[in-house]
Protein backbone atom coordinates (compact mmCIF):
# COMPACT_ATOMS: atom_id res chain seq x y z
CA MET A 1 33.31 -14.31 0.09
CA SER A 2 31.66 -17.57 1.08
CA GLU A 3 28.15 -18.91 0.70
CA LEU A 4 25.80 -19.13 3.65
CA GLN A 5 25.23 -22.85 3.27
CA GLY A 6 22.25 -23.76 1.13
CA THR A 7 20.86 -20.22 0.85
CA GLY A 8 22.43 -18.70 -2.24
CA LEU A 9 23.53 -15.77 -0.05
CA ARG A 10 27.19 -14.78 -0.05
CA GLN A 11 28.82 -13.41 3.08
CA ALA A 12 31.78 -11.09 3.26
CA PRO A 13 33.41 -8.95 5.93
CA MET A 14 31.59 -5.64 6.41
CA THR A 15 33.59 -2.59 5.39
CA ALA A 16 33.08 1.14 5.79
CA ALA A 17 31.67 1.13 2.23
CA ASP A 18 28.83 -1.16 3.42
CA VAL A 19 27.71 1.02 6.34
CA ASP A 20 25.10 3.11 4.49
CA ALA A 21 23.37 0.04 3.02
CA VAL A 22 23.52 -1.80 6.36
CA TRP A 23 22.06 1.20 8.15
CA ALA A 24 19.25 1.43 5.58
CA LEU A 25 18.43 -2.26 6.10
CA GLU A 26 18.56 -1.79 9.88
CA ARG A 27 16.04 1.06 9.64
CA SER A 28 13.74 -1.06 7.45
CA VAL A 29 13.46 -3.95 9.92
CA PHE A 30 13.72 -2.42 13.41
CA PRO A 31 11.42 0.19 14.96
CA TYR A 32 14.33 1.56 17.03
CA PRO A 33 17.40 1.04 14.85
CA TRP A 34 21.06 1.49 15.61
CA SER A 35 22.53 4.74 14.36
CA ARG A 36 24.78 4.91 11.32
CA GLY A 37 27.57 5.82 13.73
CA ASN A 38 27.07 2.59 15.69
CA PHE A 39 27.82 0.58 12.55
CA ALA A 40 30.72 2.79 11.49
CA ASP A 41 32.23 2.50 14.99
CA ALA A 42 31.82 -1.30 15.04
CA VAL A 43 33.64 -1.65 11.73
CA ALA A 44 36.36 0.83 12.74
CA SER A 45 36.81 -0.95 16.10
CA GLY A 46 37.52 -4.24 14.36
CA TYR A 47 34.45 -6.12 15.56
CA ASP A 48 33.62 -9.24 13.58
CA CYS A 49 31.10 -7.68 11.16
CA TRP A 50 29.63 -9.50 8.14
CA THR A 51 27.26 -8.75 5.30
CA LEU A 52 25.05 -11.14 3.33
CA ARG A 53 24.25 -10.41 -0.31
CA ASP A 54 22.01 -12.15 -2.81
CA ALA A 55 23.11 -13.27 -6.29
CA GLY A 56 22.42 -9.78 -7.64
CA GLY A 57 24.64 -8.17 -5.00
CA GLU A 58 21.74 -6.67 -3.05
CA LEU A 59 22.24 -6.53 0.72
CA ALA A 60 20.17 -9.31 2.30
CA GLY A 61 21.41 -9.20 5.90
CA TYR A 62 24.26 -8.69 8.29
CA TYR A 63 25.58 -9.63 11.71
CA LEU A 64 28.08 -8.18 14.17
CA LEU A 65 29.94 -10.08 16.87
CA MET A 66 32.18 -8.81 19.64
CA TYR A 67 34.50 -11.17 21.50
CA ALA A 68 35.53 -11.05 25.16
CA LEU A 69 37.67 -13.86 26.53
CA ASP A 70 35.77 -17.01 25.48
CA GLU A 71 32.34 -15.45 24.97
CA ALA A 72 30.88 -13.87 21.85
CA HIS A 73 28.28 -11.13 22.07
CA LEU A 74 25.89 -10.98 19.13
CA LEU A 75 25.52 -7.22 18.90
CA ASP A 76 23.13 -7.02 15.96
CA VAL A 77 21.70 -9.34 13.32
CA ALA A 78 19.11 -8.80 10.63
CA LEU A 79 17.70 -10.22 7.43
CA ALA A 80 15.81 -8.13 4.89
CA GLY A 81 12.05 -8.32 5.39
CA ARG A 82 11.63 -9.98 1.98
CA LEU A 83 13.56 -12.98 3.34
CA HIS A 84 11.66 -13.48 6.60
CA GLY A 85 9.77 -16.73 7.07
CA GLN A 86 12.02 -18.82 4.81
CA GLY A 87 14.15 -20.51 7.48
CA LEU A 88 17.13 -18.31 6.69
CA GLY A 89 17.29 -17.02 10.26
CA ARG A 90 18.11 -20.50 11.52
CA ARG A 91 20.83 -20.94 8.92
CA LEU A 92 22.23 -17.54 9.79
CA LEU A 93 22.34 -18.46 13.48
CA ASP A 94 24.16 -21.69 12.53
CA GLU A 95 26.74 -19.58 10.66
CA ILE A 96 27.10 -17.18 13.59
CA ALA A 97 27.70 -20.10 15.97
CA ALA A 98 30.27 -21.61 13.58
CA ARG A 99 32.00 -18.23 13.29
CA ALA A 100 32.14 -17.83 17.08
CA ARG A 101 33.48 -21.38 17.51
CA SER A 102 36.18 -20.69 14.90
CA GLN A 103 37.33 -17.80 17.10
CA GLY A 104 37.61 -20.05 20.17
CA MET A 105 34.37 -18.92 21.82
CA THR A 106 32.43 -21.28 24.10
CA SER A 107 29.16 -19.33 24.22
CA ILE A 108 27.20 -16.52 22.59
CA LEU A 109 25.23 -13.86 24.47
CA LEU A 110 22.55 -11.61 23.01
CA GLU A 111 19.82 -9.22 24.09
CA VAL A 112 16.37 -9.19 22.53
CA ARG A 113 13.22 -7.17 23.16
CA PRO A 114 10.38 -9.09 24.83
CA SER A 115 8.11 -7.55 22.19
CA ASN A 116 10.17 -9.16 19.39
CA GLU A 117 8.31 -12.45 19.64
CA ARG A 118 9.45 -13.72 16.23
CA ALA A 119 13.13 -13.36 17.15
CA LEU A 120 12.58 -14.84 20.62
CA GLU A 121 11.03 -17.94 19.10
CA VAL A 122 13.83 -18.34 16.54
CA TYR A 123 16.45 -18.00 19.28
CA ARG A 124 14.67 -20.49 21.55
CA ARG A 125 14.32 -23.05 18.75
CA HIS A 126 18.00 -22.60 18.03
CA GLY A 127 18.95 -23.47 21.62
CA TYR A 128 19.42 -20.05 23.20
CA VAL A 129 18.36 -19.99 26.85
CA HIS A 130 16.91 -17.03 28.79
CA ILE A 131 19.48 -16.18 31.47
CA GLY A 132 18.47 -12.72 32.62
CA ARG A 133 16.80 -9.40 32.02
CA ARG A 134 18.20 -5.89 31.62
CA LYS A 135 15.66 -3.37 32.92
CA GLY A 136 14.93 -0.40 30.67
CA TYR A 137 17.61 -1.43 28.17
CA TYR A 138 15.92 -0.36 24.93
CA PRO A 139 14.25 2.89 23.90
CA ALA A 140 10.52 2.42 23.34
CA GLY A 141 9.12 5.75 22.16
CA ALA A 142 6.10 6.96 24.10
CA ALA A 143 6.30 3.86 26.29
CA GLY A 144 9.65 5.06 27.64
CA ARG A 145 11.98 2.07 27.87
CA GLU A 146 11.68 -1.65 27.23
CA ASP A 147 13.57 -4.39 29.04
CA ALA A 148 15.94 -6.73 27.25
CA ILE A 149 15.86 -10.48 27.62
CA VAL A 150 19.42 -11.79 27.85
CA MET A 151 19.94 -15.16 26.18
CA ARG A 152 22.94 -17.48 25.88
CA LEU A 153 23.88 -20.32 23.60
CA ASP A 154 26.55 -22.73 24.82
CA LEU A 155 28.74 -23.79 21.90
């Protein structure tokens, strides 16, 4: 376990034992969450999956990275709603970039919903650049499907 610099949050590799808590957090922050199976598969497949816990051991966030050649793909990232608006997202993105660099990656790709304006702004301020759009990428309930904005950060 290591501390997410200056936050009091401790990070550790995600294990199968973390999946239920991660899935519960996912459902609490996203209107169209990943399935429990998505998280279980990511851990079982050996993706670079991490949890963040507060001093009391309560799950505070997580992130999952997949590597291909020299590019990382940020598959999912979240902080508990109680922690939003405290600047922790920026610190978490710093940690994700450091983690990707430590694995020899030269860039990070991610997809984000256009409707997720808070995340878009955090990513932009962190240096991610809009490089494309995936049509109909996300489920959107009665609206059908929502596009994804593809962003990249050069490391």
